Amino acid sequence: MDKIEVNGLLDFYEPLLTERQRTLCGYYYREDWSLQEIAEAEGISRAAVHDAVKRCEKELAGYESKLHCVESYKKRMRIYEQIRKQADEEIIRLVEQCIETETE
């Protein structure tokens, strides 16, 4: 998995991770720190950070395979875009309100 994909999964499933996982994955995926930088900041080995990040990826992928939140969100966004292209101003306004509720 690449970092962009994992960041998308984190957007949906980060609250399901442990505090430690959120911290380490936040550094790695959100802040773009290297494994070594995280290891030094947390006082653990680079290998421990690597293992934790890989475990996190597996958990996030597992959540998505069961819950499909990211996949469903992407489908809705594609549908909203199709509606925007064919709708009048009032419908576009309503679609924009739907999109706002998706991102809150």
C-alpha atoms as a PDB file:
ATOM      1  CA  MET A   1       0.000   0.000   0.000  1.00  0.00           C
ATOM      2  CA  ASP A   2       1.242   3.483  -0.747  1.00  0.00           C
ATOM      3  CA  LYS A   3       1.075   6.393   1.680  1.00  0.00           C
ATOM      4  CA  ILE A   4      -1.829   8.068  -0.082  1.00  0.00           C
ATOM      5  CA  GLU A   5      -3.942   4.934   0.184  1.00  0.00           C
ATOM      6  CA  VAL A   6      -3.080   4.472   3.861  1.00  0.00           C
ATOM      7  CA  ASN A   7      -3.887   8.118   4.585  1.00  0.00           C
ATOM      8  CA  GLY A   8      -7.326   7.540   3.069  1.00  0.00           C
ATOM      9  CA  LEU A   9      -7.833   4.541   5.312  1.00  0.00           C
ATOM     10  CA  LEU A  10      -6.670   6.549   8.322  1.00  0.00           C
ATOM     11  CA  ASP A  11      -9.276   9.204   7.542  1.00  0.00           C
ATOM     12  CA  PHE A  12     -11.967   6.613   8.213  1.00  0.00           C
ATOM     13  CA  TYR A  13     -10.492   4.094  10.618  1.00  0.00           C
ATOM     14  CA  GLU A  14      -7.902   5.951  12.717  1.00  0.00           C
ATOM     15  CA  PRO A  15     -10.188   6.020  15.791  1.00  0.00           C
ATOM     16  CA  LEU A  16     -10.212   2.217  15.764  1.00  0.00           C
ATOM     17  CA  LEU A  17      -6.447   2.043  16.270  1.00  0.00           C
ATOM     18  CA  THR A  18      -4.740   2.109  19.637  1.00  0.00           C
ATOM     19  CA  GLU A  19      -3.277   5.389  20.874  1.00  0.00           C
ATOM     20  CA  ARG A  20       0.217   4.059  20.178  1.00  0.00           C
ATOM     21  CA  GLN A  21      -0.698   3.046  16.644  1.00  0.00           C
ATOM     22  CA  ARG A  22      -2.292   6.440  16.008  1.00  0.00           C
ATOM     23  CA  THR A  23       0.864   8.170  17.215  1.00  0.00           C
ATOM     24  CA  LEU A  24       3.314   6.120  15.168  1.00  0.00           C
ATOM     25  CA  CYS A  25       1.154   6.056  12.048  1.00  0.00           C
ATOM     26  CA  GLY A  26       0.486   9.770  12.426  1.00  0.00           C
ATOM     27  CA  TYR A  27       4.194  10.486  12.352  1.00  0.00           C
ATOM     28  CA  TYR A  28       4.814   8.168   9.425  1.00  0.00           C
ATOM     29  CA  TYR A  29       1.791   8.808   7.219  1.00  0.00           C
ATOM     30  CA  ARG A  30       0.482  12.213   8.223  1.00  0.00           C
ATOM     31  CA  GLU A  31       3.747  13.984   9.091  1.00  0.00           C
ATOM     32  CA  ASP A  32       5.920  12.009   6.642  1.00  0.00           C
ATOM     33  CA  TRP A  33       8.631  11.276   9.198  1.00  0.00           C
ATOM     34  CA  SER A  34      11.165   8.565   8.436  1.00  0.00           C
ATOM     35  CA  LEU A  35      11.224   5.363  10.470  1.00  0.00           C
ATOM     36  CA  GLN A  36      14.507   6.502  12.014  1.00  0.00           C
ATOM     37  CA  GLU A  37      13.091   9.903  13.012  1.00  0.00           C
ATOM     38  CA  ILE A  38      10.137   8.234  14.693  1.00  0.00           C
ATOM     39  CA  ALA A  39      12.380   5.724  16.446  1.00  0.00           C
ATOM     40  CA  GLU A  40      14.551   8.508  17.861  1.00  0.00           C
ATOM     41  CA  ALA A  41      11.550  10.594  18.944  1.00  0.00           C
ATOM     42  CA  GLU A  42       9.851   7.630  20.640  1.00  0.00           C
ATOM     43  CA  GLY A  43      12.980   6.007  22.065  1.00  0.00           C
ATOM     44  CA  ILE A  44      12.397   2.680  20.311  1.00  0.00           C
ATOM     45  CA  SER A  45      14.166   0.791  17.557  1.00  0.00           C
ATOM     46  CA  ARG A  46      13.648   1.482  13.881  1.00  0.00           C
ATOM     47  CA  ALA A  47      12.552  -2.156  13.497  1.00  0.00           C
ATOM     48  CA  ALA A  48       9.877  -1.691  16.165  1.00  0.00           C
ATOM     49  CA  VAL A  49       8.513   1.323  14.309  1.00  0.00           C
ATOM     50  CA  HIS A  50       8.569  -0.595  11.031  1.00  0.00           C
ATOM     51  CA  ASP A  51       6.708  -3.536  12.566  1.00  0.00           C
ATOM     52  CA  ALA A  52       4.107  -1.242  14.147  1.00  0.00           C
ATOM     53  CA  VAL A  53       3.527   0.625  10.878  1.00  0.00           C
ATOM     54  CA  LYS A  54       3.134  -2.635   8.934  1.00  0.00           C
ATOM     55  CA  ARG A  55       0.715  -3.996  11.556  1.00  0.00           C
ATOM     56  CA  CYS A  56      -1.245  -0.780  11.287  1.00  0.00           C
ATOM     57  CA  GLU A  57      -1.471  -1.129   7.509  1.00  0.00           C
ATOM     58  CA  LYS A  58      -2.811  -4.673   7.886  1.00  0.00           C
ATOM     59  CA  GLU A  59      -5.395  -3.589  10.441  1.00  0.00           C
ATOM     60  CA  LEU A  60      -6.555  -0.683   8.318  1.00  0.00           C
ATOM     61  CA  ALA A  61      -6.816  -2.917   5.240  1.00  0.00           C
ATOM     62  CA  GLY A  62      -8.749  -5.437   7.328  1.00  0.00           C
ATOM     63  CA  TYR A  63     -11.222  -2.799   8.459  1.00  0.00           C
ATOM     64  CA  GLU A  64     -11.759  -1.706   4.867  1.00  0.00           C
ATOM     65  CA  SER A  65     -12.230  -5.277   3.634  1.00  0.00           C
ATOM     66  CA  LYS A  66     -14.985  -5.745   6.217  1.00  0.00           C
ATOM     67  CA  LEU A  67     -16.619  -2.313   6.335  1.00  0.00           C
ATOM     68  CA  HIS A  68     -15.952  -0.844   2.861  1.00  0.00           C
ATOM     69  CA  CYS A  69     -16.230   2.743   4.108  1.00  0.00           C
ATOM     70  CA  VAL A  70     -13.549   4.158   1.791  1.00  0.00           C
ATOM     71  CA  GLU A  71     -14.861   2.283  -1.234  1.00  0.00           C
ATOM     72  CA  SER A  72     -18.401   3.437  -0.512  1.00  0.00           C
ATOM     73  CA  TYR A  73     -17.263   7.041  -0.009  1.00  0.00           C
ATOM     74  CA  LYS A  74     -15.443   7.045  -3.351  1.00  0.00           C
ATOM     75  CA  LYS A  75     -18.527   5.675  -5.121  1.00  0.00           C
ATOM     76  CA  ARG A  76     -20.710   8.377  -3.577  1.00  0.00           C
ATOM     77  CA  MET A  77     -18.272  11.087  -4.645  1.00  0.00           C
ATOM     78  CA  ARG A  78     -18.332   9.794  -8.243  1.00  0.00           C
ATOM     79  CA  ILE A  79     -22.132   9.824  -8.214  1.00  0.00           C
ATOM     80  CA  TYR A  80     -22.223  13.337  -6.773  1.00  0.00           C
ATOM     81  CA  GLU A  81     -19.909  14.469  -9.558  1.00  0.00           C
ATOM     82  CA  GLN A  82     -22.189  12.943 -12.205  1.00  0.00           C
ATOM     83  CA  ILE A  83     -25.199  14.676 -10.663  1.00  0.00           C
ATOM     84  CA  ARG A  84     -23.372  18.012 -10.629  1.00  0.00           C
ATOM     85  CA  LYS A  85     -22.678  17.745 -14.354  1.00  0.00           C
ATOM     86  CA  GLN A  86     -26.343  17.231 -15.223  1.00  0.00           C
ATOM     87  CA  ALA A  87     -28.259  19.140 -12.569  1.00  0.00           C
ATOM     88  CA  ASP A  88     -29.740  22.584 -12.196  1.00  0.00           C
ATOM     89  CA  GLU A  89     -28.543  25.059  -9.564  1.00  0.00           C
ATOM     90  CA  GLU A  90     -30.923  23.892  -6.816  1.00  0.00           C
ATOM     91  CA  ILE A  91     -29.891  20.264  -7.150  1.00  0.00           C
ATOM     92  CA  ILE A  92     -26.225  21.231  -7.264  1.00  0.00           C
ATOM     93  CA  ARG A  93     -26.744  23.156  -4.021  1.00  0.00           C
ATOM     94  CA  LEU A  94     -28.290  20.071  -2.420  1.00  0.00           C
ATOM     95  CA  VAL A  95     -25.451  17.881  -3.666  1.00  0.00           C
ATOM     96  CA  GLU A  96     -22.962  20.313  -2.137  1.00  0.00           C
ATOM     97  CA  GLN A  97     -24.774  19.970   1.186  1.00  0.00           C
ATOM     98  CA  CYS A  98     -24.521  16.185   0.922  1.00  0.00           C
ATOM     99  CA  ILE A  99     -20.800  16.428   0.236  1.00  0.00           C
ATOM    100  CA  GLU A 100     -20.336  18.718   3.235  1.00  0.00           C
ATOM    101  CA  THR A 101     -21.923  16.113   5.502  1.00  0.00           C
ATOM    102  CA  GLU A 102     -19.497  13.516   4.095  1.00  0.00           C
ATOM    103  CA  THR A 103     -16.442  15.532   5.082  1.00  0.00           C
ATOM    104  CA  GLU A 104     -17.472  16.784   8.523  1.00  0.00           C
END
